[in-house]
Amino acid sequence: MLTKFDFQPFDTNNLIRRGAKNDGGYLIPEDAKADLLISFGLGDDWKFELDLVRNNHVNKFIVFDHTQNLLVYAIRLLKRINVNNFKFSAFIYRLLILLRYLRDYVIRNNIHIKKRITKQGSVIINNNVKELVNDINLYELFDKFVSSPNIRVILKIDIEGSEYEIIQQILHHSDQVILLVIEFHDITDNMLIFEQCLSLLKMKYSLIHSHINNYGHVDENLIPQICEFTFIHKAHFHENRKVDKLPREGLDSPTTPFRPDFQISFL
C-alpha cells in the first residue's frame, strides 16, 4: 500500500534549483554532468533546459513536444487581440513567449522535435497494415538522436500522464540515463500503477528529491495528486540518510504562486 514514506527522498546537501522559480523549476545535484539533456514537454517555459546548458550540466538539449511550434505560439498571440476583451498583460505575455521561441529554437538552433512520446512509437498496425504516425518511443529516440552508447543523458519528463507507459523504456536505457527528473500526474487515481512505476525506478535509481505540485491536491493519507521527482543513478549516489520533511527550505518554491506548498513530515 502506498504511503507518504514512498515519497521520502534521500538527503543530499548539493541540490540546486534550475529553471523557473515556480512551475518549470526542478532540483538537481549541483555537480550533475552529462553530455545531453533530453526533455519531454515544452509548454511556455524552457528555462530549465537553457539553465542546464548555461551552467555546464550538459552540452546541449533536445526537446520533444507535439503540441507546440512557432505557428501555435503565433495563433495564441493573435487570439489575445480581442477588441471586446483585450488584456494588455496577457498579450505581452504571449508576445514574449513567441519571441523567446523564435530566439531559442529558430535563431539559436536549439532542437525542438514536434513528436509525441508514446510506448508504441512511430508505427501502428491497422488491418495488418503498418502506418506511420507522429509518435516516437524511447527505443527509436535513442537510436536516432543519441549517437553513441557512451553518451550520458539527463532525462526530463513532463508529459501530463503519459509518463506511466514509458517507465520500462527508461529502465532499458538506464546505463545512459544518469539523472531523471519526472513529474507524475493523477497519482491518486492511479495508485497501483504509480506504486509499480516507483518500485521499478528505485531498482536502478535513488530518489533524491520530491516536491508536491500544489496545483493538485493531497488525500487524507498525504498522497499527492501530482508530484515532481529527481532520481539519480545508484552508481552515482551512496548516501543512506533521508530527509525529515518536505519541501526543502530555501530550494523549493510553490509550483503555483500565491498558493502555499504542501508540507510533509516524515518524523
C-alpha atoms as a PDB file:
ATOM      1  CA  MET A   1       0.000   0.000   0.000  1.00  0.00           C
ATOM      2  CA  LEU A   2       1.284   3.428  -0.966  1.00  0.00           C
ATOM      3  CA  THR A   3       2.218   5.709   1.957  1.00  0.00           C
ATOM      4  CA  LYS A   4       3.841   9.108   2.362  1.00  0.00           C
ATOM      5  CA  PHE A   5       7.155   7.343   3.070  1.00  0.00           C
ATOM      6  CA  ASP A   6       7.304   6.173  -0.541  1.00  0.00           C
ATOM      7  CA  PHE A   7       7.816   9.861  -1.380  1.00  0.00           C
ATOM      8  CA  GLN A   8      10.632  10.362   1.155  1.00  0.00           C
ATOM      9  CA  PRO A   9      13.888  11.137  -0.656  1.00  0.00           C
ATOM     10  CA  PHE A  10      17.441  10.542   0.446  1.00  0.00           C
ATOM     11  CA  ASP A  11      19.159  13.589   1.903  1.00  0.00           C
ATOM     12  CA  THR A  12      21.871  15.294  -0.100  1.00  0.00           C
ATOM     13  CA  ASN A  13      23.320  18.728   0.530  1.00  0.00           C
ATOM     14  CA  ASN A  14      24.360  19.556  -3.026  1.00  0.00           C
ATOM     15  CA  LEU A  15      20.984  20.198  -4.656  1.00  0.00           C
ATOM     16  CA  ILE A  16      20.466  23.369  -6.669  1.00  0.00           C
ATOM     17  CA  ARG A  17      17.418  24.793  -8.399  1.00  0.00           C
ATOM     18  CA  ARG A  18      17.479  25.137 -12.157  1.00  0.00           C
ATOM     19  CA  GLY A  19      14.738  26.610 -14.304  1.00  0.00           C
ATOM     20  CA  ALA A  20      11.871  28.846 -13.256  1.00  0.00           C
ATOM     21  CA  LYS A  21      11.156  29.928  -9.705  1.00  0.00           C
ATOM     22  CA  ASN A  22       7.750  28.248  -9.812  1.00  0.00           C
ATOM     23  CA  ASP A  23       6.367  25.789 -12.366  1.00  0.00           C
ATOM     24  CA  GLY A  24       9.166  24.526 -14.614  1.00  0.00           C
ATOM     25  CA  GLY A  25      11.899  24.671 -11.965  1.00  0.00           C
ATOM     26  CA  TYR A  26      13.488  21.482 -10.619  1.00  0.00           C
ATOM     27  CA  LEU A  27      16.197  20.468  -8.151  1.00  0.00           C
ATOM     28  CA  ILE A  28      19.237  18.595  -9.429  1.00  0.00           C
ATOM     29  CA  PRO A  29      22.714  17.938  -7.971  1.00  0.00           C
ATOM     30  CA  GLU A  30      24.955  20.972  -8.362  1.00  0.00           C
ATOM     31  CA  ASP A  31      27.710  18.767  -9.780  1.00  0.00           C
ATOM     32  CA  ALA A  32      25.458  16.904 -12.248  1.00  0.00           C
ATOM     33  CA  LYS A  33      27.275  16.450 -15.566  1.00  0.00           C
ATOM     34  CA  ALA A  34      26.083  14.754 -18.736  1.00  0.00           C
ATOM     35  CA  ASP A  35      26.541  15.091 -22.459  1.00  0.00           C
ATOM     36  CA  LEU A  36      22.900  15.621 -23.412  1.00  0.00           C
ATOM     37  CA  LEU A  37      19.578  16.695 -21.913  1.00  0.00           C
ATOM     38  CA  ILE A  38      16.537  15.030 -23.465  1.00  0.00           C
ATOM     39  CA  SER A  39      13.386  16.860 -22.443  1.00  0.00           C
ATOM     40  CA  PHE A  40       9.789  15.697 -22.882  1.00  0.00           C
ATOM     41  CA  GLY A  41       7.348  18.601 -22.674  1.00  0.00           C
ATOM     42  CA  LEU A  42       7.911  22.218 -23.711  1.00  0.00           C
ATOM     43  CA  GLY A  43       4.917  24.327 -22.675  1.00  0.00           C
ATOM     44  CA  ASP A  44       5.603  28.060 -22.359  1.00  0.00           C
ATOM     45  CA  ASP A  45       8.830  27.745 -20.401  1.00  0.00           C
ATOM     46  CA  TRP A  46      12.152  26.108 -21.278  1.00  0.00           C
ATOM     47  CA  LYS A  47      14.374  27.947 -18.781  1.00  0.00           C
ATOM     48  CA  PHE A  48      15.339  24.614 -17.198  1.00  0.00           C
ATOM     49  CA  GLU A  49      16.806  23.428 -20.483  1.00  0.00           C
ATOM     50  CA  LEU A  50      18.666  26.704 -21.056  1.00  0.00           C
ATOM     51  CA  ASP A  51      19.948  26.716 -17.456  1.00  0.00           C
ATOM     52  CA  LEU A  52      21.480  23.274 -17.798  1.00  0.00           C
ATOM     53  CA  VAL A  53      23.498  24.382 -20.820  1.00  0.00           C
ATOM     54  CA  ARG A  54      24.451  27.780 -19.330  1.00  0.00           C
ATOM     55  CA  ASN A  55      25.711  26.117 -16.139  1.00  0.00           C
ATOM     56  CA  ASN A  56      27.598  23.362 -17.961  1.00  0.00           C
ATOM     57  CA  HIS A  57      25.484  20.470 -16.706  1.00  0.00           C
ATOM     58  CA  VAL A  58      25.068  19.361 -20.340  1.00  0.00           C
ATOM     59  CA  ASN A  59      26.497  20.316 -23.719  1.00  0.00           C
ATOM     60  CA  LYS A  60      23.145  20.600 -25.494  1.00  0.00           C
ATOM     61  CA  PHE A  61      19.478  19.671 -25.266  1.00  0.00           C
ATOM     62  CA  ILE A  62      16.711  18.233 -27.419  1.00  0.00           C
ATOM     63  CA  VAL A  63      13.039  18.894 -26.613  1.00  0.00           C
ATOM     64  CA  PHE A  64      10.142  16.695 -27.747  1.00  0.00           C
ATOM     65  CA  ASP A  65       6.631  18.151 -27.711  1.00  0.00           C
ATOM     66  CA  HIS A  66       3.933  17.515 -30.318  1.00  0.00           C
ATOM     67  CA  THR A  67       1.658  20.325 -29.096  1.00  0.00           C
ATOM     68  CA  GLN A  68       3.909  23.337 -29.749  1.00  0.00           C
ATOM     69  CA  ASN A  69       5.691  25.112 -32.574  1.00  0.00           C
ATOM     70  CA  LEU A  70       6.137  28.666 -33.883  1.00  0.00           C
ATOM     71  CA  LEU A  71       2.723  28.642 -35.568  1.00  0.00           C
ATOM     72  CA  VAL A  72       0.979  27.520 -32.365  1.00  0.00           C
ATOM     73  CA  TYR A  73       2.580  30.339 -30.379  1.00  0.00           C
ATOM     74  CA  ALA A  74       1.623  32.849 -33.105  1.00  0.00           C
ATOM     75  CA  ILE A  75      -2.012  31.696 -33.074  1.00  0.00           C
ATOM     76  CA  ARG A  76      -2.173  32.038 -29.296  1.00  0.00           C
ATOM     77  CA  LEU A  77      -0.827  35.574 -29.611  1.00  0.00           C
ATOM     78  CA  LEU A  78      -3.421  36.506 -32.236  1.00  0.00           C
ATOM     79  CA  LYS A  79      -6.219  35.167 -30.054  1.00  0.00           C
ATOM     80  CA  ARG A  80      -5.242  37.759 -27.446  1.00  0.00           C
ATOM     81  CA  ILE A  81      -6.130  40.558 -29.879  1.00  0.00           C
ATOM     82  CA  ASN A  82      -9.790  40.793 -28.918  1.00  0.00           C
ATOM     83  CA  VAL A  83     -11.287  44.268 -29.069  1.00  0.00           C
ATOM     84  CA  ASN A  84     -14.056  43.430 -26.614  1.00  0.00           C
ATOM     85  CA  ASN A  85     -11.871  41.675 -24.068  1.00  0.00           C
ATOM     86  CA  PHE A  86      -8.316  42.878 -24.690  1.00  0.00           C
ATOM     87  CA  LYS A  87      -5.880  42.356 -21.817  1.00  0.00           C
ATOM     88  CA  PHE A  88      -2.558  44.073 -22.334  1.00  0.00           C
ATOM     89  CA  SER A  89      -0.666  41.876 -19.837  1.00  0.00           C
ATOM     90  CA  ALA A  90      -1.897  38.651 -21.486  1.00  0.00           C
ATOM     91  CA  PHE A  91      -0.968  39.998 -24.926  1.00  0.00           C
ATOM     92  CA  ILE A  92       2.548  40.942 -23.776  1.00  0.00           C
ATOM     93  CA  TYR A  93       2.994  37.520 -22.128  1.00  0.00           C
ATOM     94  CA  ARG A  94       2.079  35.726 -25.376  1.00  0.00           C
ATOM     95  CA  LEU A  95       4.293  38.075 -27.405  1.00  0.00           C
ATOM     96  CA  LEU A  96       7.281  37.340 -25.163  1.00  0.00           C
ATOM     97  CA  ILE A  97       6.745  33.571 -25.441  1.00  0.00           C
ATOM     98  CA  LEU A  98       6.653  33.843 -29.240  1.00  0.00           C
ATOM     99  CA  LEU A  99       9.822  35.980 -29.341  1.00  0.00           C
ATOM    100  CA  ARG A 100      11.655  33.628 -26.959  1.00  0.00           C
ATOM    101  CA  TYR A 101      10.748  30.613 -29.068  1.00  0.00           C
ATOM    102  CA  LEU A 102      11.914  32.452 -32.194  1.00  0.00           C
ATOM    103  CA  ARG A 103      15.194  33.350 -30.492  1.00  0.00           C
ATOM    104  CA  ASP A 104      15.944  29.972 -28.883  1.00  0.00           C
ATOM    105  CA  TYR A 105      14.680  27.471 -31.474  1.00  0.00           C
ATOM    106  CA  VAL A 106      14.921  29.346 -34.775  1.00  0.00           C
ATOM    107  CA  ILE A 107      17.815  31.794 -34.443  1.00  0.00           C
ATOM    108  CA  ARG A 108      19.950  29.837 -31.942  1.00  0.00           C
ATOM    109  CA  ASN A 109      19.083  26.465 -33.479  1.00  0.00           C
ATOM    110  CA  ASN A 110      18.255  24.595 -30.295  1.00  0.00           C
ATOM    111  CA  ILE A 111      16.369  21.438 -31.233  1.00  0.00           C
ATOM    112  CA  HIS A 112      12.620  21.018 -30.783  1.00  0.00           C
ATOM    113  CA  ILE A 113      11.134  17.870 -32.325  1.00  0.00           C
ATOM    114  CA  LYS A 114       7.365  18.051 -32.821  1.00  0.00           C
ATOM    115  CA  LYS A 115       6.652  14.432 -31.884  1.00  0.00           C
ATOM    116  CA  ARG A 116       4.629  12.796 -29.127  1.00  0.00           C
ATOM    117  CA  ILE A 117       6.344  10.381 -26.760  1.00  0.00           C
ATOM    118  CA  THR A 118       4.421   7.091 -26.549  1.00  0.00           C
ATOM    119  CA  LYS A 119       5.094   3.481 -25.651  1.00  0.00           C
ATOM    120  CA  GLN A 120       4.082   2.331 -29.119  1.00  0.00           C
ATOM    121  CA  GLY A 121       6.227   4.718 -31.119  1.00  0.00           C
ATOM    122  CA  SER A 122       6.049   5.644 -34.761  1.00  0.00           C
ATOM    123  CA  VAL A 123       4.366   2.571 -36.244  1.00  0.00           C
ATOM    124  CA  ILE A 124       0.831   1.263 -35.676  1.00  0.00           C
ATOM    125  CA  ILE A 125      -0.852  -1.774 -37.161  1.00  0.00           C
ATOM    126  CA  ASN A 126      -4.271  -1.157 -38.751  1.00  0.00           C
ATOM    127  CA  ASN A 127      -5.877  -4.142 -40.516  1.00  0.00           C
ATOM    128  CA  ASN A 128      -2.426  -5.746 -40.771  1.00  0.00           C
ATOM    129  CA  VAL A 129      -1.052  -2.624 -42.494  1.00  0.00           C
ATOM    130  CA  LYS A 130       1.745  -0.622 -40.875  1.00  0.00           C
ATOM    131  CA  GLU A 131       1.071   3.102 -40.649  1.00  0.00           C
ATOM    132  CA  LEU A 132       3.493   5.852 -39.635  1.00  0.00           C
ATOM    133  CA  VAL A 133       2.255   8.287 -37.000  1.00  0.00           C
ATOM    134  CA  ASN A 134       3.749  11.393 -35.415  1.00  0.00           C
ATOM    135  CA  ASP A 135       4.854   9.466 -32.335  1.00  0.00           C
ATOM    136  CA  ILE A 136       8.216   8.213 -31.116  1.00  0.00           C
ATOM    137  CA  ASN A 137       9.242   5.903 -28.295  1.00  0.00           C
ATOM    138  CA  LEU A 138      12.489   5.858 -26.344  1.00  0.00           C
ATOM    139  CA  TYR A 139      13.983   2.990 -28.343  1.00  0.00           C
ATOM    140  CA  GLU A 140      13.538   4.934 -31.581  1.00  0.00           C
ATOM    141  CA  LEU A 141      14.634   8.185 -29.960  1.00  0.00           C
ATOM    142  CA  PHE A 142      17.907   6.791 -28.629  1.00  0.00           C
ATOM    143  CA  ASP A 143      18.645   5.062 -31.947  1.00  0.00           C
ATOM    144  CA  LYS A 144      18.110   8.278 -33.903  1.00  0.00           C
ATOM    145  CA  PHE A 145      19.274  11.089 -31.615  1.00  0.00           C
ATOM    146  CA  VAL A 146      21.846   9.526 -29.259  1.00  0.00           C
ATOM    147  CA  SER A 147      24.807   8.710 -31.457  1.00  0.00           C
ATOM    148  CA  SER A 148      26.808   6.549 -29.039  1.00  0.00           C
ATOM    149  CA  PRO A 149      26.115   4.185 -26.113  1.00  0.00           C
ATOM    150  CA  ASN A 150      28.758   6.143 -24.198  1.00  0.00           C
ATOM    151  CA  ILE A 151      26.722   9.378 -24.205  1.00  0.00           C
ATOM    152  CA  ARG A 152      25.441  10.250 -20.745  1.00  0.00           C
ATOM    153  CA  VAL A 153      21.920  11.639 -20.600  1.00  0.00           C
ATOM    154  CA  ILE A 154      19.797  13.714 -18.237  1.00  0.00           C
ATOM    155  CA  LEU A 155      16.145  12.972 -18.932  1.00  0.00           C
ATOM    156  CA  LYS A 156      13.331  15.390 -18.015  1.00  0.00           C
ATOM    157  CA  ILE A 157       9.732  14.243 -18.357  1.00  0.00           C
ATOM    158  CA  ASP A 158       6.557  16.312 -18.018  1.00  0.00           C
ATOM    159  CA  ILE A 159       4.012  14.761 -20.388  1.00  0.00           C
ATOM    160  CA  GLU A 160       0.731  15.025 -18.492  1.00  0.00           C
ATOM    161  CA  GLY A 161       0.090  11.370 -17.621  1.00  0.00           C
ATOM    162  CA  SER A 162       1.858   9.536 -20.456  1.00  0.00           C
ATOM    163  CA  GLU A 163       4.887   9.006 -18.196  1.00  0.00           C
ATOM    164  CA  TYR A 164       3.403   5.783 -16.837  1.00  0.00           C
ATOM    165  CA  GLU A 165       3.666   3.937 -20.140  1.00  0.00           C
ATOM    166  CA  ILE A 166       7.384   4.577 -20.760  1.00  0.00           C
ATOM    167  CA  ILE A 167       8.956   3.568 -17.423  1.00  0.00           C
ATOM    168  CA  GLN A 168      10.215   0.236 -18.783  1.00  0.00           C
ATOM    169  CA  GLN A 169      11.812   2.059 -21.703  1.00  0.00           C
ATOM    170  CA  ILE A 170      13.589   4.439 -19.338  1.00  0.00           C
ATOM    171  CA  LEU A 171      14.989   1.483 -17.415  1.00  0.00           C
ATOM    172  CA  HIS A 172      16.146  -0.118 -20.667  1.00  0.00           C
ATOM    173  CA  HIS A 173      18.387   2.951 -21.150  1.00  0.00           C
ATOM    174  CA  SER A 174      19.382   3.309 -17.501  1.00  0.00           C
ATOM    175  CA  ASP A 175      23.066   2.723 -18.307  1.00  0.00           C
ATOM    176  CA  GLN A 176      22.991   6.066 -20.131  1.00  0.00           C
ATOM    177  CA  VAL A 177      20.331   7.998 -18.182  1.00  0.00           C
ATOM    178  CA  ILE A 178      22.296   9.104 -15.148  1.00  0.00           C
ATOM    179  CA  LEU A 179      19.708  11.616 -13.865  1.00  0.00           C
ATOM    180  CA  LEU A 180      15.936  11.562 -14.218  1.00  0.00           C
ATOM    181  CA  VAL A 181      13.599  14.490 -13.493  1.00  0.00           C
ATOM    182  CA  ILE A 182       9.991  13.358 -13.822  1.00  0.00           C
ATOM    183  CA  GLU A 183       6.553  14.664 -12.877  1.00  0.00           C
ATOM    184  CA  PHE A 184       3.846  12.082 -12.213  1.00  0.00           C
ATOM    185  CA  HIS A 185       0.236  13.164 -12.735  1.00  0.00           C
ATOM    186  CA  ASP A 186      -3.059  11.756 -11.403  1.00  0.00           C
ATOM    187  CA  ILE A 187      -1.287   9.675  -8.765  1.00  0.00           C
ATOM    188  CA  THR A 188      -4.348   9.376  -6.522  1.00  0.00           C
ATOM    189  CA  ASP A 189      -6.324   7.965  -9.469  1.00  0.00           C
ATOM    190  CA  ASN A 190      -3.577   5.524 -10.483  1.00  0.00           C
ATOM    191  CA  MET A 191      -2.108   4.442  -7.163  1.00  0.00           C
ATOM    192  CA  LEU A 192      -1.398   0.830  -8.090  1.00  0.00           C
ATOM    193  CA  ILE A 193       0.359   1.576 -11.367  1.00  0.00           C
ATOM    194  CA  PHE A 194       2.195   4.529  -9.794  1.00  0.00           C
ATOM    195  CA  GLU A 195       3.446   2.295  -6.970  1.00  0.00           C
ATOM    196  CA  GLN A 196       4.667  -0.213  -9.546  1.00  0.00           C
ATOM    197  CA  CYS A 197       6.436   2.511 -11.541  1.00  0.00           C
ATOM    198  CA  LEU A 198       8.068   3.931  -8.427  1.00  0.00           C
ATOM    199  CA  SER A 199       9.306   0.492  -7.345  1.00  0.00           C
ATOM    200  CA  LEU A 200      10.771  -0.151 -10.785  1.00  0.00           C
ATOM    201  CA  LEU A 201      12.590   3.175 -10.843  1.00  0.00           C
ATOM    202  CA  LYS A 202      14.005   2.614  -7.363  1.00  0.00           C
ATOM    203  CA  MET A 203      15.630  -0.606  -8.562  1.00  0.00           C
ATOM    204  CA  LYS A 204      18.053   1.451 -10.671  1.00  0.00           C
ATOM    205  CA  TYR A 205      17.830   4.936  -9.174  1.00  0.00           C
ATOM    206  CA  SER A 206      17.934   6.657  -5.791  1.00  0.00           C
ATOM    207  CA  LEU A 207      15.208   9.215  -5.092  1.00  0.00           C
ATOM    208  CA  ILE A 208      16.953  12.446  -4.060  1.00  0.00           C
ATOM    209  CA  HIS A 209      14.086  14.906  -4.255  1.00  0.00           C
ATOM    210  CA  SER A 210      10.299  15.044  -4.163  1.00  0.00           C
ATOM    211  CA  HIS A 211       8.114  18.106  -4.484  1.00  0.00           C
ATOM    212  CA  ILE A 212       4.323  18.116  -4.433  1.00  0.00           C
ATOM    213  CA  ASN A 213       2.774  20.209  -7.171  1.00  0.00           C
ATOM    214  CA  ASN A 214       0.351  22.456  -5.281  1.00  0.00           C
ATOM    215  CA  TYR A 215      -1.870  22.841  -8.354  1.00  0.00           C
ATOM    216  CA  GLY A 216      -3.259  19.434  -7.377  1.00  0.00           C
ATOM    217  CA  HIS A 217      -4.459  18.073  -4.055  1.00  0.00           C
ATOM    218  CA  VAL A 218      -3.312  15.582  -1.430  1.00  0.00           C
ATOM    219  CA  ASP A 219      -5.592  12.911   0.001  1.00  0.00           C
ATOM    220  CA  GLU A 220      -6.195  12.033   3.656  1.00  0.00           C
ATOM    221  CA  ASN A 221      -3.044   9.871   3.691  1.00  0.00           C
ATOM    222  CA  LEU A 222      -0.902  12.720   2.300  1.00  0.00           C
ATOM    223  CA  ILE A 223      -0.637  11.068  -1.115  1.00  0.00           C
ATOM    224  CA  PRO A 224      -0.353  13.851  -3.724  1.00  0.00           C
ATOM    225  CA  GLN A 225      -2.238  14.061  -6.969  1.00  0.00           C
ATOM    226  CA  ILE A 226       0.831  15.485  -8.773  1.00  0.00           C
ATOM    227  CA  CYS A 227       4.446  15.183  -7.676  1.00  0.00           C
ATOM    228  CA  GLU A 228       7.851  16.059  -9.135  1.00  0.00           C
ATOM    229  CA  PHE A 229      10.800  13.730  -8.545  1.00  0.00           C
ATOM    230  CA  THR A 230      14.536  13.763  -9.097  1.00  0.00           C
ATOM    231  CA  PHE A 231      16.264  10.379  -9.379  1.00  0.00           C
ATOM    232  CA  ILE A 232      19.994   9.752  -9.670  1.00  0.00           C
ATOM    233  CA  HIS A 233      21.528   6.505 -10.876  1.00  0.00           C
ATOM    234  CA  LYS A 234      22.633   4.371  -7.942  1.00  0.00           C
ATOM    235  CA  ALA A 235      26.146   4.164  -9.365  1.00  0.00           C
ATOM    236  CA  HIS A 236      26.496   7.904  -8.619  1.00  0.00           C
ATOM    237  CA  PHE A 237      24.891   8.056  -5.161  1.00  0.00           C
ATOM    238  CA  HIS A 238      25.801   6.273  -1.924  1.00  0.00           C
ATOM    239  CA  GLU A 239      24.080   8.160   0.913  1.00  0.00           C
ATOM    240  CA  ASN A 240      21.558   6.388   3.158  1.00  0.00           C
ATOM    241  CA  ARG A 241      20.161   9.231   5.291  1.00  0.00           C
ATOM    242  CA  LYS A 242      16.704  10.517   4.341  1.00  0.00           C
ATOM    243  CA  VAL A 243      15.110  13.948   4.743  1.00  0.00           C
ATOM    244  CA  ASP A 244      12.856  14.679   7.720  1.00  0.00           C
ATOM    245  CA  LYS A 245      10.390  16.905   5.890  1.00  0.00           C
ATOM    246  CA  LEU A 246       9.336  18.420   2.597  1.00  0.00           C
ATOM    247  CA  PRO A 247       9.549  20.891   0.939  1.00  0.00           C
ATOM    248  CA  ARG A 248      13.277  21.699   1.096  1.00  0.00           C
ATOM    249  CA  GLU A 249      13.652  25.114   2.677  1.00  0.00           C
ATOM    250  CA  GLY A 250      15.474  27.632   0.515  1.00  0.00           C
ATOM    251  CA  LEU A 251      15.306  25.399  -2.553  1.00  0.00           C
ATOM    252  CA  ASP A 252      11.685  24.505  -3.224  1.00  0.00           C
ATOM    253  CA  SER A 253       9.137  27.007  -4.386  1.00  0.00           C
ATOM    254  CA  PRO A 254       5.369  26.574  -4.902  1.00  0.00           C
ATOM    255  CA  THR A 255       4.569  25.335  -8.398  1.00  0.00           C
ATOM    256  CA  THR A 256       1.540  27.623  -8.463  1.00  0.00           C
ATOM    257  CA  PRO A 257       2.355  31.061  -6.990  1.00  0.00           C
ATOM    258  CA  PHE A 258       0.164  32.520  -4.245  1.00  0.00           C
ATOM    259  CA  ARG A 259      -0.804  29.037  -3.015  1.00  0.00           C
ATOM    260  CA  PRO A 260       1.083  27.538  -0.071  1.00  0.00           C
ATOM    261  CA  ASP A 261       3.256  24.498  -0.623  1.00  0.00           C
ATOM    262  CA  PHE A 262       2.085  21.199   0.875  1.00  0.00           C
ATOM    263  CA  GLN A 263       4.075  20.189   3.955  1.00  0.00           C
ATOM    264  CA  ILE A 264       5.003  16.585   4.780  1.00  0.00           C
ATOM    265  CA  SER A 265       6.833  15.441   7.925  1.00  0.00           C
ATOM    266  CA  PHE A 266       8.464  12.017   7.962  1.00  0.00           C
ATOM    267  CA  LEU A 267       9.335  12.065  11.673  1.00  0.00           C
END
